[in-house]
Amino acid sequence: MLKLPFVATKLYSVRDESGEINVRTAREAPLAGSEVRVKGVLDTVASIGDQNVGLHLREIERW
């Protein structure tokens, strides 16, 4: 989990058989090792030329 000072957003990672992705949430991040399901929207931090930087999932729902 990553907390950025003065920013209400938190990041955590999810992993399955297809790979791993960072998830951005405004809620508390789940405990490390927890099993979760996440519904979200793919998002990036920035676009530089034709490359997206900081690909992540913006959490909409978690259960």
PDB file of N, CA and C in Angstrom:
ATOM      1  N   MET A   1       0.841  -1.177   0.000  1.00  0.00           N
ATOM      2  CA  MET A   1       0.000   0.000   0.000  1.00  0.00           C
ATOM      3  C   MET A   1       0.885   1.239   0.000  1.00  0.00           C
ATOM      4  N   LEU A   2       0.436   2.266  -0.697  1.00  0.00           N
ATOM      5  CA  LEU A   2       1.157   3.529  -0.773  1.00  0.00           C
ATOM      6  C   LEU A   2       0.207   4.640  -0.372  1.00  0.00           C
ATOM      7  N   LYS A   3       0.622   5.472   0.564  1.00  0.00           N
ATOM      8  CA  LYS A   3      -0.152   6.651   0.942  1.00  0.00           C
ATOM      9  C   LYS A   3       0.649   7.874   0.548  1.00  0.00           C
ATOM     10  N   LEU A   4       0.007   8.792  -0.141  1.00  0.00           N
ATOM     11  CA  LEU A   4       0.662  10.027  -0.546  1.00  0.00           C
ATOM     12  C   LEU A   4       0.253  11.129   0.416  1.00  0.00           C
ATOM     13  N   PRO A   5       1.216  11.878   0.968  1.00  0.00           N
ATOM     14  CA  PRO A   5       0.872  12.940   1.915  1.00  0.00           C
ATOM     15  C   PRO A   5      -0.053  13.978   1.292  1.00  0.00           C
ATOM     16  N   PHE A   6      -1.024  14.422   2.053  1.00  0.00           N
ATOM     17  CA  PHE A   6      -1.962  15.461   1.639  1.00  0.00           C
ATOM     18  C   PHE A   6      -2.858  15.033   0.482  1.00  0.00           C
ATOM     19  N   VAL A   7      -2.867  13.758   0.139  1.00  0.00           N
ATOM     20  CA  VAL A   7      -3.723  13.247  -0.927  1.00  0.00           C
ATOM     21  C   VAL A   7      -4.575  12.140  -0.328  1.00  0.00           C
ATOM     22  N   ALA A   8      -5.886  12.185  -0.573  1.00  0.00           N
ATOM     23  CA  ALA A   8      -6.800  11.227   0.034  1.00  0.00           C
ATOM     24  C   ALA A   8      -6.817   9.887  -0.703  1.00  0.00           C
ATOM     25  N   THR A   9      -5.991   9.717  -1.689  1.00  0.00           N
ATOM     26  CA  THR A   9      -5.970   8.495  -2.482  1.00  0.00           C
ATOM     27  C   THR A   9      -4.934   7.517  -1.954  1.00  0.00           C
ATOM     28  N   LYS A  10      -5.292   6.246  -1.965  1.00  0.00           N
ATOM     29  CA  LYS A  10      -4.380   5.179  -1.552  1.00  0.00           C
ATOM     30  C   LYS A  10      -4.274   4.166  -2.687  1.00  0.00           C
ATOM     31  N   LEU A  11      -3.150   3.475  -2.774  1.00  0.00           N
ATOM     32  CA  LEU A  11      -2.938   2.452  -3.789  1.00  0.00           C
ATOM     33  C   LEU A  11      -2.680   1.110  -3.119  1.00  0.00           C
ATOM     34  N   TYR A  12      -3.195   0.051  -3.730  1.00  0.00           N
ATOM     35  CA  TYR A  12      -2.852  -1.302  -3.339  1.00  0.00           C
ATOM     36  C   TYR A  12      -2.775  -2.144  -4.611  1.00  0.00           C
ATOM     37  N   SER A  13      -2.177  -3.301  -4.540  1.00  0.00           N
ATOM     38  CA  SER A  13      -2.018  -4.165  -5.702  1.00  0.00           C
ATOM     39  C   SER A  13      -2.897  -5.388  -5.574  1.00  0.00           C
ATOM     40  N   VAL A  14      -3.437  -5.840  -6.707  1.00  0.00           N
ATOM     41  CA  VAL A  14      -4.150  -7.112  -6.756  1.00  0.00           C
ATOM     42  C   VAL A  14      -3.448  -7.999  -7.775  1.00  0.00           C
ATOM     43  N   ARG A  15      -3.446  -9.283  -7.487  1.00  0.00           N
ATOM     44  CA  ARG A  15      -2.762 -10.241  -8.360  1.00  0.00           C
ATOM     45  C   ARG A  15      -3.652 -11.455  -8.562  1.00  0.00           C
ATOM     46  N   ASP A  16      -3.694 -11.939  -9.808  1.00  0.00           N
ATOM     47  CA  ASP A  16      -4.349 -13.209 -10.106  1.00  0.00           C
ATOM     48  C   ASP A  16      -3.511 -13.945 -11.139  1.00  0.00           C
ATOM     49  N   GLU A  17      -4.069 -15.002 -11.736  1.00  0.00           N
ATOM     50  CA  GLU A  17      -3.295 -15.794 -12.679  1.00  0.00           C
ATOM     51  C   GLU A  17      -2.918 -15.030 -13.944  1.00  0.00           C
ATOM     52  N   SER A  18      -3.592 -13.925 -14.225  1.00  0.00           N
ATOM     53  CA  SER A  18      -3.273 -13.138 -15.425  1.00  0.00           C
ATOM     54  C   SER A  18      -2.201 -12.078 -15.182  1.00  0.00           C
ATOM     55  N   GLY A  19      -1.915 -11.743 -13.919  1.00  0.00           N
ATOM     56  CA  GLY A  19      -0.898 -10.739 -13.618  1.00  0.00           C
ATOM     57  C   GLY A  19      -1.247  -9.909 -12.404  1.00  0.00           C
ATOM     58  N   GLU A  20      -0.689  -8.707 -12.361  1.00  0.00           N
ATOM     59  CA  GLU A  20      -0.848  -7.817 -11.208  1.00  0.00           C
ATOM     60  C   GLU A  20      -1.115  -6.408 -11.700  1.00  0.00           C
ATOM     61  N   ILE A  21      -1.956  -5.665 -10.952  1.00  0.00           N
ATOM     62  CA  ILE A  21      -2.226  -4.269 -11.283  1.00  0.00           C
ATOM     63  C   ILE A  21      -2.412  -3.485  -9.991  1.00  0.00           C
ATOM     64  N   ASN A  22      -2.009  -2.219  -9.997  1.00  0.00           N
ATOM     65  CA  ASN A  22      -2.247  -1.323  -8.868  1.00  0.00           C
ATOM     66  C   ASN A  22      -3.674  -0.812  -8.937  1.00  0.00           C
ATOM     67  N   VAL A  23      -4.277  -0.646  -7.766  1.00  0.00           N
ATOM     68  CA  VAL A  23      -5.641  -0.149  -7.654  1.00  0.00           C
ATOM     69  C   VAL A  23      -5.619   1.115  -6.813  1.00  0.00           C
ATOM     70  N   ARG A  24      -6.257   2.169  -7.318  1.00  0.00           N
ATOM     71  CA  ARG A  24      -6.352   3.437  -6.586  1.00  0.00           C
ATOM     72  C   ARG A  24      -7.707   3.487  -5.903  1.00  0.00           C
ATOM     73  N   THR A  25      -7.710   3.801  -4.615  1.00  0.00           N
ATOM     74  CA  THR A  25      -8.948   3.846  -3.845  1.00  0.00           C
ATOM     75  C   THR A  25      -8.976   5.080  -2.954  1.00  0.00           C
ATOM     76  N   ALA A  26     -10.168   5.550  -2.647  1.00  0.00           N
ATOM     77  CA  ALA A  26     -10.340   6.637  -1.684  1.00  0.00           C
ATOM     78  C   ALA A  26     -10.660   6.060  -0.304  1.00  0.00           C
ATOM     79  N   ARG A  27     -10.913   4.739  -0.256  1.00  0.00           N
ATOM     80  CA  ARG A  27     -11.215   4.058   1.006  1.00  0.00           C
ATOM     81  C   ARG A  27      -9.931   3.531   1.616  1.00  0.00           C
ATOM     82  N   GLU A  28     -10.074   2.852   2.751  1.00  0.00           N
ATOM     83  CA  GLU A  28      -8.924   2.167   3.336  1.00  0.00           C
ATOM     84  C   GLU A  28      -8.563   0.991   2.451  1.00  0.00           C
ATOM     85  N   ALA A  29      -7.291   0.769   2.251  1.00  0.00           N
ATOM     86  CA  ALA A  29      -6.837  -0.364   1.456  1.00  0.00           C
ATOM     87  C   ALA A  29      -7.076  -1.651   2.235  1.00  0.00           C
ATOM     88  N   PRO A  30      -7.313  -2.765   1.534  1.00  0.00           N
ATOM     89  CA  PRO A  30      -7.499  -4.038   2.243  1.00  0.00           C
ATOM     90  C   PRO A  30      -6.201  -4.497   2.901  1.00  0.00           C
ATOM     91  N   LEU A  31      -6.325  -5.369   3.872  1.00  0.00           N
ATOM     92  CA  LEU A  31      -5.144  -5.911   4.541  1.00  0.00           C
ATOM     93  C   LEU A  31      -4.323  -6.736   3.563  1.00  0.00           C
ATOM     94  N   ALA A  32      -3.016  -6.680   3.692  1.00  0.00           N
ATOM     95  CA  ALA A  32      -2.124  -7.456   2.829  1.00  0.00           C
ATOM     96  C   ALA A  32      -2.489  -8.931   2.921  1.00  0.00           C
ATOM     97  N   GLY A  33      -2.561  -9.586   1.778  1.00  0.00           N
ATOM     98  CA  GLY A  33      -2.892 -11.001   1.726  1.00  0.00           C
ATOM     99  C   GLY A  33      -4.379 -11.301   1.677  1.00  0.00           C
ATOM    100  N   SER A  34      -5.216 -10.272   1.794  1.00  0.00           N
ATOM    101  CA  SER A  34      -6.667 -10.472   1.736  1.00  0.00           C
ATOM    102  C   SER A  34      -7.103 -10.828   0.322  1.00  0.00           C
ATOM    103  N   GLU A  35      -8.174 -11.612   0.211  1.00  0.00           N
ATOM    104  CA  GLU A  35      -8.778 -11.881  -1.076  1.00  0.00           C
ATOM    105  C   GLU A  35      -9.890 -10.865  -1.286  1.00  0.00           C
ATOM    106  N   VAL A  36      -9.837 -10.157  -2.408  1.00  0.00           N
ATOM    107  CA  VAL A  36     -10.848  -9.150  -2.720  1.00  0.00           C
ATOM    108  C   VAL A  36     -11.252  -9.263  -4.177  1.00  0.00           C
ATOM    109  N   ARG A  37     -12.416  -8.757  -4.480  1.00  0.00           N
ATOM    110  CA  ARG A  37     -12.862  -8.559  -5.857  1.00  0.00           C
ATOM    111  C   ARG A  37     -13.028  -7.064  -6.030  1.00  0.00           C
ATOM    112  N   VAL A  38     -12.574  -6.567  -7.181  1.00  0.00           N
ATOM    113  CA  VAL A  38     -12.594  -5.130  -7.425  1.00  0.00           C
ATOM    114  C   VAL A  38     -13.246  -4.856  -8.770  1.00  0.00           C
ATOM    115  N   LYS A  39     -14.125  -3.866  -8.786  1.00  0.00           N
ATOM    116  CA  LYS A  39     -14.704  -3.364 -10.027  1.00  0.00           C
ATOM    117  C   LYS A  39     -14.186  -1.950 -10.190  1.00  0.00           C
ATOM    118  N   GLY A  40     -13.685  -1.619 -11.386  1.00  0.00           N
ATOM    119  CA  GLY A  40     -13.133  -0.296 -11.565  1.00  0.00           C
ATOM    120  C   GLY A  40     -12.971   0.082 -13.023  1.00  0.00           C
ATOM    121  N   VAL A  41     -12.273   1.180 -13.228  1.00  0.00           N
ATOM    122  CA  VAL A  41     -12.019   1.732 -14.554  1.00  0.00           C
ATOM    123  C   VAL A  41     -10.519   1.872 -14.728  1.00  0.00           C
ATOM    124  N   LEU A  42     -10.005   1.401 -15.874  1.00  0.00           N
ATOM    125  CA  LEU A  42      -8.585   1.597 -16.148  1.00  0.00           C
ATOM    126  C   LEU A  42      -8.296   3.080 -16.295  1.00  0.00           C
ATOM    127  N   ASP A  43      -7.218   3.526 -15.713  1.00  0.00           N
ATOM    128  CA  ASP A  43      -6.862   4.940 -15.718  1.00  0.00           C
ATOM    129  C   ASP A  43      -5.344   5.055 -15.787  1.00  0.00           C
ATOM    130  N   THR A  44      -4.838   6.215 -16.133  1.00  0.00           N
ATOM    131  CA  THR A  44      -3.402   6.476 -16.148  1.00  0.00           C
ATOM    132  C   THR A  44      -3.111   7.753 -15.378  1.00  0.00           C
ATOM    133  N   VAL A  45      -1.870   7.897 -14.947  1.00  0.00           N
ATOM    134  CA  VAL A  45      -1.450   9.110 -14.259  1.00  0.00           C
ATOM    135  C   VAL A  45      -1.224  10.221 -15.284  1.00  0.00           C
ATOM    136  N   ALA A  46      -0.610   9.846 -16.425  1.00  0.00           N
ATOM    137  CA  ALA A  46      -0.302  10.831 -17.463  1.00  0.00           C
ATOM    138  C   ALA A  46      -0.105  10.137 -18.799  1.00  0.00           C
ATOM    139  N   SER A  47      -0.206  10.898 -19.862  1.00  0.00           N
ATOM    140  CA  SER A  47       0.127  10.426 -21.201  1.00  0.00           C
ATOM    141  C   SER A  47       1.274  11.271 -21.718  1.00  0.00           C
ATOM    142  N   ILE A  48       2.328  10.590 -22.160  1.00  0.00           N
ATOM    143  CA  ILE A  48       3.491  11.276 -22.717  1.00  0.00           C
ATOM    144  C   ILE A  48       3.657  10.761 -24.141  1.00  0.00           C
ATOM    145  N   GLY A  49       3.364  11.614 -25.085  1.00  0.00           N
ATOM    146  CA  GLY A  49       3.365  11.167 -26.472  1.00  0.00           C
ATOM    147  C   GLY A  49       2.280  10.126 -26.642  1.00  0.00           C
ATOM    148  N   ASP A  50       2.642   8.970 -27.150  1.00  0.00           N
ATOM    149  CA  ASP A  50       1.666   7.897 -27.327  1.00  0.00           C
ATOM    150  C   ASP A  50       1.766   6.837 -26.234  1.00  0.00           C
ATOM    151  N   GLN A  51       2.476   7.150 -25.132  1.00  0.00           N
ATOM    152  CA  GLN A  51       2.624   6.195 -24.038  1.00  0.00           C
ATOM    153  C   GLN A  51       1.868   6.656 -22.797  1.00  0.00           C
ATOM    154  N   ASN A  52       1.170   5.696 -22.183  1.00  0.00           N
ATOM    155  CA  ASN A  52       0.479   5.967 -20.926  1.00  0.00           C
ATOM    156  C   ASN A  52       1.397   5.606 -19.765  1.00  0.00           C
ATOM    157  N   VAL A  53       1.440   6.475 -18.770  1.00  0.00           N
ATOM    158  CA  VAL A  53       2.297   6.282 -17.605  1.00  0.00           C
ATOM    159  C   VAL A  53       1.412   6.048 -16.388  1.00  0.00           C
ATOM    160  N   GLY A  54       1.771   5.071 -15.591  1.00  0.00           N
ATOM    161  CA  GLY A  54       1.040   4.830 -14.349  1.00  0.00           C
ATOM    162  C   GLY A  54      -0.304   4.169 -14.551  1.00  0.00           C
ATOM    163  N   LEU A  55      -0.365   3.173 -15.428  1.00  0.00           N
ATOM    164  CA  LEU A  55      -1.610   2.454 -15.637  1.00  0.00           C
ATOM    165  C   LEU A  55      -2.065   1.828 -14.325  1.00  0.00           C
ATOM    166  N   HIS A  56      -3.330   2.021 -13.971  1.00  0.00           N
ATOM    167  CA  HIS A  56      -3.889   1.475 -12.741  1.00  0.00           C
ATOM    168  C   HIS A  56      -5.392   1.336 -12.883  1.00  0.00           C
ATOM    169  N   LEU A  57      -6.002   0.678 -11.936  1.00  0.00           N
ATOM    170  CA  LEU A  57      -7.437   0.532 -11.885  1.00  0.00           C
ATOM    171  C   LEU A  57      -7.979   1.505 -10.848  1.00  0.00           C
ATOM    172  N   ARG A  58      -8.911   2.362 -11.244  1.00  0.00           N
ATOM    173  CA  ARG A  58      -9.555   3.277 -10.295  1.00  0.00           C
ATOM    174  C   ARG A  58     -10.770   2.539  -9.714  1.00  0.00           C
ATOM    175  N   GLU A  59     -10.697   2.237  -8.428  1.00  0.00           N
ATOM    176  CA  GLU A  59     -11.715   1.428  -7.768  1.00  0.00           C
ATOM    177  C   GLU A  59     -13.073   2.118  -7.751  1.00  0.00           C
ATOM    178  N   ILE A  60     -14.100   1.366  -8.166  1.00  0.00           N
ATOM    179  CA  ILE A  60     -15.474   1.830  -8.067  1.00  0.00           C
ATOM    180  C   ILE A  60     -16.196   1.064  -6.960  1.00  0.00           C
ATOM    181  N   GLU A  61     -15.909  -0.237  -6.898  1.00  0.00           N
ATOM    182  CA  GLU A  61     -16.560  -1.082  -5.909  1.00  0.00           C
ATOM    183  C   GLU A  61     -15.595  -2.194  -5.501  1.00  0.00           C
ATOM    184  N   ARG A  62     -15.671  -2.610  -4.247  1.00  0.00           N
ATOM    185  CA  ARG A  62     -14.851  -3.715  -3.754  1.00  0.00           C
ATOM    186  C   ARG A  62     -15.680  -4.558  -2.801  1.00  0.00           C
ATOM    187  N   TRP A  63     -15.530  -5.850  -2.912  1.00  0.00           N
ATOM    188  CA  TRP A  63     -16.210  -6.755  -1.999  1.00  0.00           C
ATOM    189  C   TRP A  63     -15.387  -7.970  -1.726  1.00  0.00           C
TER     190      TRP A  63
END
